[in-house]
PDB file of all heavy atoms in Angstrom:
ATOM      1  N   LEU A   1      92.748  95.183 102.337  1.00  0.00           N
ATOM      2  CA  LEU A   1      91.445  96.057 102.510  1.00  0.00           C
ATOM      3  C   LEU A   1      91.246  97.004 101.362  1.00  0.00           C
ATOM      4  O   LEU A   1      90.172  97.642 101.357  1.00  0.00           O
ATOM      5  CB  LEU A   1      91.607  96.732 103.883  1.00  0.00           C
ATOM      6  CG  LEU A   1      91.919  95.870 105.045  1.00  0.00           C
ATOM      7  CD1 LEU A   1      92.266  96.700 106.183  1.00  0.00           C
ATOM      8  CD2 LEU A   1      90.770  94.974 105.265  1.00  0.00           C
ATOM      9  N   ASN A   2      92.156  97.141 100.580  1.00  0.00           N
ATOM     10  CA  ASN A   2      92.187  98.200  99.533  1.00  0.00           C
ATOM     11  C   ASN A   2      92.097  97.871  98.153  1.00  0.00           C
ATOM     12  O   ASN A   2      92.342  98.568  97.260  1.00  0.00           O
ATOM     13  CB  ASN A   2      93.442  99.165  99.719  1.00  0.00           C
ATOM     14  CG  ASN A   2      93.413  99.742 101.135  1.00  0.00           C
ATOM     15  OD1 ASN A   2      92.533 100.659 101.443  1.00  0.00           O
ATOM     16  ND2 ASN A   2      94.177  99.291 102.004  1.00  0.00           N
ATOM     17  N   TYR A   3      91.573  96.605  97.940  1.00  0.00           N
ATOM     18  CA  TYR A   3      91.371  96.196  96.492  1.00  0.00           C
ATOM     19  C   TYR A   3      90.201  95.130  96.501  1.00  0.00           C
ATOM     20  O   TYR A   3      90.014  94.403  97.546  1.00  0.00           O
ATOM     21  CB  TYR A   3      92.549  95.651  95.833  1.00  0.00           C
ATOM     22  CG  TYR A   3      93.050  94.323  96.251  1.00  0.00           C
ATOM     23  CD1 TYR A   3      92.672  93.273  95.418  1.00  0.00           C
ATOM     24  CD2 TYR A   3      93.755  94.028  97.243  1.00  0.00           C
ATOM     25  CE1 TYR A   3      93.105  91.868  95.620  1.00  0.00           C
ATOM     26  CE2 TYR A   3      94.069  92.726  97.675  1.00  0.00           C
ATOM     27  CZ  TYR A   3      93.760  91.658  96.812  1.00  0.00           C
ATOM     28  OH  TYR A   3      94.104  90.406  97.137  1.00  0.00           O
ATOM     29  N   ARG A   4      89.593  94.904  95.356  1.00  0.00           N
ATOM     30  CA  ARG A   4      88.549  93.860  95.379  1.00  0.00           C
ATOM     31  C   ARG A   4      89.359  92.619  94.917  1.00  0.00           C
ATOM     32  O   ARG A   4      90.096  92.585  93.963  1.00  0.00           O
ATOM     33  CB  ARG A   4      87.582  94.180  94.186  1.00  0.00           C
ATOM     34  CG  ARG A   4      86.563  95.268  94.561  1.00  0.00           C
ATOM     35  CD  ARG A   4      85.586  95.546  93.507  1.00  0.00           C
ATOM     36  NE  ARG A   4      86.151  95.819  92.178  1.00  0.00           N
ATOM     37  CZ  ARG A   4      86.021  94.948  91.158  1.00  0.00           C
ATOM     38  NH1 ARG A   4      85.247  93.887  91.281  1.00  0.00           N
ATOM     39  NH2 ARG A   4      86.559  95.306  89.997  1.00  0.00           N
ATOM     40  N   SER A   5      89.227  91.496  95.706  1.00  0.00           N
ATOM     41  CA  SER A   5      89.976  90.282  95.362  1.00  0.00           C
ATOM     42  C   SER A   5      89.576  89.681  93.964  1.00  0.00           C
ATOM     43  O   SER A   5      90.357  89.111  93.301  1.00  0.00           O
ATOM     44  CB  SER A   5      89.637  89.184  96.405  1.00  0.00           C
ATOM     45  OG  SER A   5      88.266  88.941  96.455  1.00  0.00           O
ATOM     46  N   SER A   6      88.384  90.034  93.376  1.00  0.00           N
ATOM     47  CA  SER A   6      87.996  89.621  92.094  1.00  0.00           C
ATOM     48  C   SER A   6      88.771  90.342  91.014  1.00  0.00           C
ATOM     49  O   SER A   6      88.903  89.906  89.981  1.00  0.00           O
ATOM     50  CB  SER A   6      86.519  89.818  91.911  1.00  0.00           C
ATOM     51  OG  SER A   6      86.233  91.204  91.930  1.00  0.00           O
ATOM     52  N   ALA A   7      89.469  91.421  91.472  1.00  0.00           N
ATOM     53  CA  ALA A   7      90.220  92.214  90.459  1.00  0.00           C
ATOM     54  C   ALA A   7      91.436  91.505  89.964  1.00  0.00           C
ATOM     55  O   ALA A   7      91.859  91.626  88.842  1.00  0.00           O
ATOM     56  CB  ALA A   7      90.741  93.606  91.069  1.00  0.00           C
ATOM     57  N   GLY A   8      92.017  90.632  90.790  1.00  0.00           N
ATOM     58  CA  GLY A   8      93.141  89.822  90.539  1.00  0.00           C
ATOM     59  C   GLY A   8      92.872  88.440  89.810  1.00  0.00           C
ATOM     60  O   GLY A   8      93.739  87.656  89.475  1.00  0.00           O
ATOM     61  N   ALA A   9      91.597  88.190  89.865  1.00  0.00           N
ATOM     62  CA  ALA A   9      91.197  86.853  89.330  1.00  0.00           C
ATOM     63  C   ALA A   9      91.499  86.643  87.826  1.00  0.00           C
ATOM     64  O   ALA A   9      91.262  87.523  86.994  1.00  0.00           O
ATOM     65  CB  ALA A   9      89.717  86.612  89.484  1.00  0.00           C
ATOM     66  N   GLY A  10      92.180  85.509  87.450  1.00  0.00           N
ATOM     67  CA  GLY A  10      92.485  85.270  86.094  1.00  0.00           C
ATOM     68  C   GLY A  10      93.643  85.914  85.577  1.00  0.00           C
ATOM     69  O   GLY A  10      93.871  85.734  84.384  1.00  0.00           O
ATOM     70  N   LYS A  11      94.322  86.745  86.357  1.00  0.00           N
ATOM     71  CA  LYS A  11      95.534  87.494  85.732  1.00  0.00           C
ATOM     72  C   LYS A  11      96.727  86.537  85.615  1.00  0.00           C
ATOM     73  O   LYS A  11      96.978  85.815  86.673  1.00  0.00           O
ATOM     74  CB  LYS A  11      95.835  88.673  86.715  1.00  0.00           C
ATOM     75  CG  LYS A  11      94.826  89.737  86.825  1.00  0.00           C
ATOM     76  CD  LYS A  11      94.540  90.436  85.537  1.00  0.00           C
ATOM     77  CE  LYS A  11      93.454  91.480  85.881  1.00  0.00           C
ATOM     78  NZ  LYS A  11      92.997  92.080  84.594  1.00  0.00           N
ATOM     79  N   VAL A  12      97.309  86.631  84.543  1.00  0.00           N
ATOM     80  CA  VAL A  12      98.565  85.747  84.351  1.00  0.00           C
ATOM     81  C   VAL A  12      99.777  86.522  84.910  1.00  0.00           C
ATOM     82  O   VAL A  12     100.603  85.965  85.645  1.00  0.00           O
ATOM     83  CB  VAL A  12      98.710  85.350  82.924  1.00  0.00           C
ATOM     84  CG1 VAL A  12     100.002  84.735  82.707  1.00  0.00           C
ATOM     85  CG2 VAL A  12      97.544  84.581  82.468  1.00  0.00           C
ATOM     86  N   GLU A  13      99.903  87.849  84.589  1.00  0.00           N
ATOM     87  CA  GLU A  13     101.024  88.712  85.052  1.00  0.00           C
ATOM     88  C   GLU A  13     100.703  89.309  86.310  1.00  0.00           C
ATOM     89  O   GLU A  13      99.711  90.159  86.291  1.00  0.00           O
ATOM     90  CB  GLU A  13     101.383  89.714  83.925  1.00  0.00           C
ATOM     91  CG  GLU A  13     101.839  88.979  82.602  1.00  0.00           C
ATOM     92  CD  GLU A  13     103.309  88.398  82.820  1.00  0.00           C
ATOM     93  OE1 GLU A  13     104.076  88.964  83.674  1.00  0.00           O
ATOM     94  OE2 GLU A  13     103.605  87.444  82.081  1.00  0.00           O
ATOM     95  N   HIS A  14     101.525  89.223  87.334  1.00  0.00           N
ATOM     96  CA  HIS A  14     101.335  89.994  88.469  1.00  0.00           C
ATOM     97  C   HIS A  14     102.155  91.198  88.387  1.00  0.00           C
ATOM     98  O   HIS A  14     103.228  91.202  87.805  1.00  0.00           O
ATOM     99  CB  HIS A  14     101.825  89.153  89.744  1.00  0.00           C
ATOM    100  CG  HIS A  14     100.911  87.978  89.978  1.00  0.00           C
ATOM    101  ND1 HIS A  14      99.664  87.979  90.487  1.00  0.00           N
ATOM    102  CD2 HIS A  14     101.218  86.597  89.743  1.00  0.00           C
ATOM    103  CE1 HIS A  14      99.232  86.792  90.631  1.00  0.00           C
ATOM    104  NE2 HIS A  14     100.195  85.961  90.145  1.00  0.00           N
ATOM    105  N   PRO A  15     101.799  92.373  88.739  1.00  0.00           N
ATOM    106  CA  PRO A  15     102.466  93.735  88.658  1.00  0.00           C
ATOM    107  C   PRO A  15     103.865  93.516  89.421  1.00  0.00           C
ATOM    108  O   PRO A  15     103.996  92.901  90.481  1.00  0.00           O
ATOM    109  CB  PRO A  15     101.629  94.654  89.251  1.00  0.00           C
ATOM    110  CG  PRO A  15     100.621  93.966  90.225  1.00  0.00           C
ATOM    111  CD  PRO A  15     100.440  92.596  89.660  1.00  0.00           C
ATOM    112  N   LEU A  16     104.871  94.058  88.662  1.00  0.00           N
ATOM    113  CA  LEU A  16     106.174  94.182  89.232  1.00  0.00           C
ATOM    114  C   LEU A  16     106.429  95.603  89.530  1.00  0.00           C
ATOM    115  O   LEU A  16     106.270  96.532  88.689  1.00  0.00           O
ATOM    116  CB  LEU A  16     107.275  93.657  88.209  1.00  0.00           C
ATOM    117  CG  LEU A  16     108.729  93.822  88.599  1.00  0.00           C
ATOM    118  CD1 LEU A  16     109.119  93.047  89.904  1.00  0.00           C
ATOM    119  CD2 LEU A  16     109.616  93.413  87.512  1.00  0.00           C
ATOM    120  N   VAL A  17     106.614  95.920  90.811  1.00  0.00           N
ATOM    121  CA  VAL A  17     106.602  97.251  91.341  1.00  0.00           C
ATOM    122  C   VAL A  17     107.838  97.702  92.191  1.00  0.00           C
ATOM    123  O   VAL A  17     108.292  96.803  92.888  1.00  0.00           O
ATOM    124  CB  VAL A  17     105.378  97.459  92.229  1.00  0.00           C
ATOM    125  CG1 VAL A  17     105.254  98.871  92.652  1.00  0.00           C
ATOM    126  CG2 VAL A  17     104.118  97.057  91.400  1.00  0.00           C
ATOM    127  N   THR A  18     108.293  98.881  91.918  1.00  0.00           N
ATOM    128  CA  THR A  18     109.425  99.544  92.735  1.00  0.00           C
ATOM    129  C   THR A  18     108.762 100.581  93.608  1.00  0.00           C
ATOM    130  O   THR A  18     108.101 101.505  92.963  1.00  0.00           O
ATOM    131  CB  THR A  18     110.567  99.995  92.042  1.00  0.00           C
ATOM    132  OG1 THR A  18     111.175  98.830  91.284  1.00  0.00           O
ATOM    133  CG2 THR A  18     111.582 100.558  92.936  1.00  0.00           C
ATOM    134  N   VAL A  19     108.871 100.537  94.868  1.00  0.00           N
ATOM    135  CA  VAL A  19     108.447 101.611  95.704  1.00  0.00           C
ATOM    136  C   VAL A  19     109.580 102.177  96.449  1.00  0.00           C
ATOM    137  O   VAL A  19     110.540 101.607  97.013  1.00  0.00           O
ATOM    138  CB  VAL A  19     107.587 100.978  96.983  1.00  0.00           C
ATOM    139  CG1 VAL A  19     107.147 102.066  97.881  1.00  0.00           C
ATOM    140  CG2 VAL A  19     106.292 100.315  96.289  1.00  0.00           C
ATOM    141  N   GLY A  20     109.728 103.562  96.251  1.00  0.00           N
ATOM    142  CA  GLY A  20     110.797 104.407  96.913  1.00  0.00           C
ATOM    143  C   GLY A  20     110.358 104.856  98.134  1.00  0.00           C
ATOM    144  O   GLY A  20     109.305 105.431  98.200  1.00  0.00           O
ATOM    145  N   ILE A  21     111.192 104.751  99.214  1.00  0.00           N
ATOM    146  CA  ILE A  21     110.905 105.136 100.504  1.00  0.00           C
ATOM    147  C   ILE A  21     111.965 106.061 101.121  1.00  0.00           C
ATOM    148  O   ILE A  21     113.174 105.602 100.999  1.00  0.00           O
ATOM    149  CB  ILE A  21     110.705 104.029 101.535  1.00  0.00           C
ATOM    150  CG1 ILE A  21     109.419 103.099 100.977  1.00  0.00           C
ATOM    151  CG2 ILE A  21     110.389 104.550 102.874  1.00  0.00           C
ATOM    152  CD1 ILE A  21     109.295 101.936 101.808  1.00  0.00           C
ATOM    153  N   ARG A  22     111.669 107.227 101.507  1.00  0.00           N
ATOM    154  CA  ARG A  22     112.696 108.183 102.067  1.00  0.00           C
ATOM    155  C   ARG A  22     113.050 107.748 103.402  1.00  0.00           C
ATOM    156  O   ARG A  22     112.307 107.113 104.114  1.00  0.00           O
ATOM    157  CB  ARG A  22     112.134 109.597 101.986  1.00  0.00           C
ATOM    158  CG  ARG A  22     111.763 110.152 100.732  1.00  0.00           C
ATOM    159  CD  ARG A  22     111.282 111.565 100.804  1.00  0.00           C
ATOM    160  NE  ARG A  22     110.743 112.003  99.560  1.00  0.00           N
ATOM    161  CZ  ARG A  22     109.389 112.156  99.293  1.00  0.00           C
ATOM    162  NH1 ARG A  22     108.505 111.931 100.225  1.00  0.00           N
ATOM    163  NH2 ARG A  22     108.978 112.440  98.070  1.00  0.00           N
ATOM    164  N   SER A  23     114.150 108.256 103.818  1.00  0.00           N
ATOM    165  CA  SER A  23     114.628 107.810 105.097  1.00  0.00           C
ATOM    166  C   SER A  23     113.795 108.268 106.368  1.00  0.00           C
ATOM    167  O   SER A  23     113.888 107.594 107.370  1.00  0.00           O
ATOM    168  CB  SER A  23     116.197 108.493 105.427  1.00  0.00           C
ATOM    169  OG  SER A  23     116.070 109.942 105.430  1.00  0.00           O
ATOM    170  N   ASP A  24     112.898 109.184 106.133  1.00  0.00           N
ATOM    171  CA  ASP A  24     111.965 109.521 107.249  1.00  0.00           C
ATOM    172  C   ASP A  24     110.825 108.628 107.210  1.00  0.00           C
ATOM    173  O   ASP A  24     109.744 108.791 108.021  1.00  0.00           O
ATOM    174  CB  ASP A  24     111.587 111.018 107.247  1.00  0.00           C
ATOM    175  CG  ASP A  24     110.805 111.382 105.878  1.00  0.00           C
ATOM    176  OD1 ASP A  24     110.658 110.620 104.989  1.00  0.00           O
ATOM    177  OD2 ASP A  24     110.418 112.631 105.798  1.00  0.00           O
ATOM    178  N   GLY A  25     110.689 107.739 106.188  1.00  0.00           N
ATOM    179  CA  GLY A  25     109.534 106.867 106.028  1.00  0.00           C
ATOM    180  C   GLY A  25     108.523 107.249 105.099  1.00  0.00           C
ATOM    181  O   GLY A  25     107.561 106.632 104.750  1.00  0.00           O
ATOM    182  N   SER A  26     108.610 108.536 104.585  1.00  0.00           N
ATOM    183  CA  SER A  26     107.621 108.963 103.576  1.00  0.00           C
ATOM    184  C   SER A  26     107.887 108.303 102.225  1.00  0.00           C
ATOM    185  O   SER A  26     108.972 107.863 101.915  1.00  0.00           O
ATOM    186  CB  SER A  26     107.790 110.514 103.451  1.00  0.00           C
ATOM    187  OG  SER A  26     109.069 110.929 103.058  1.00  0.00           O
ATOM    188  N   LEU A  27     106.776 108.425 101.468  1.00  0.00           N
ATOM    189  CA  LEU A  27     106.770 107.751 100.093  1.00  0.00           C
ATOM    190  C   LEU A  27     107.518 108.640  99.047  1.00  0.00           C
ATOM    191  O   LEU A  27     107.081 109.766  98.916  1.00  0.00           O
ATOM    192  CB  LEU A  27     105.399 107.402  99.761  1.00  0.00           C
ATOM    193  CG  LEU A  27     105.255 106.674  98.388  1.00  0.00           C
ATOM    194  CD1 LEU A  27     105.731 105.238  98.615  1.00  0.00           C
ATOM    195  CD2 LEU A  27     103.576 106.532  98.198  1.00  0.00           C
ATOM    196  N   GLU A  28     108.469 108.086  98.332  1.00  0.00           N
ATOM    197  CA  GLU A  28     109.123 108.795  97.370  1.00  0.00           C
ATOM    198  C   GLU A  28     108.417 108.562  95.965  1.00  0.00           C
ATOM    199  O   GLU A  28     108.137 109.649  95.286  1.00  0.00           O
ATOM    200  CB  GLU A  28     110.607 108.286  97.279  1.00  0.00           C
ATOM    201  CG  GLU A  28     111.384 108.900  96.011  1.00  0.00           C
ATOM    202  CD  GLU A  28     111.878 110.309  96.224  1.00  0.00           C
ATOM    203  OE1 GLU A  28     111.792 110.839  97.314  1.00  0.00           O
ATOM    204  OE2 GLU A  28     112.505 110.728  95.200  1.00  0.00           O
ATOM    205  N   ASP A  29     108.227 107.347  95.616  1.00  0.00           N
ATOM    206  CA  ASP A  29     107.572 107.044  94.358  1.00  0.00           C
ATOM    207  C   ASP A  29     107.100 105.664  94.296  1.00  0.00           C
ATOM    208  O   ASP A  29     107.640 104.841  95.060  1.00  0.00           O
ATOM    209  CB  ASP A  29     108.782 107.294  93.337  1.00  0.00           C
ATOM    210  CG  ASP A  29     108.362 107.096  91.826  1.00  0.00           C
ATOM    211  OD1 ASP A  29     107.204 107.467  91.520  1.00  0.00           O
ATOM    212  OD2 ASP A  29     109.243 106.629  91.080  1.00  0.00           O
TER     213      ASP A  29
END
């Protein structure tokens, strides 16, 4: 719901991402 599907069209490299989550469920990084 939060991106345009056309934004990923034709991309060869998909983003590699690390998401840090704190023990209370909040976003660290």
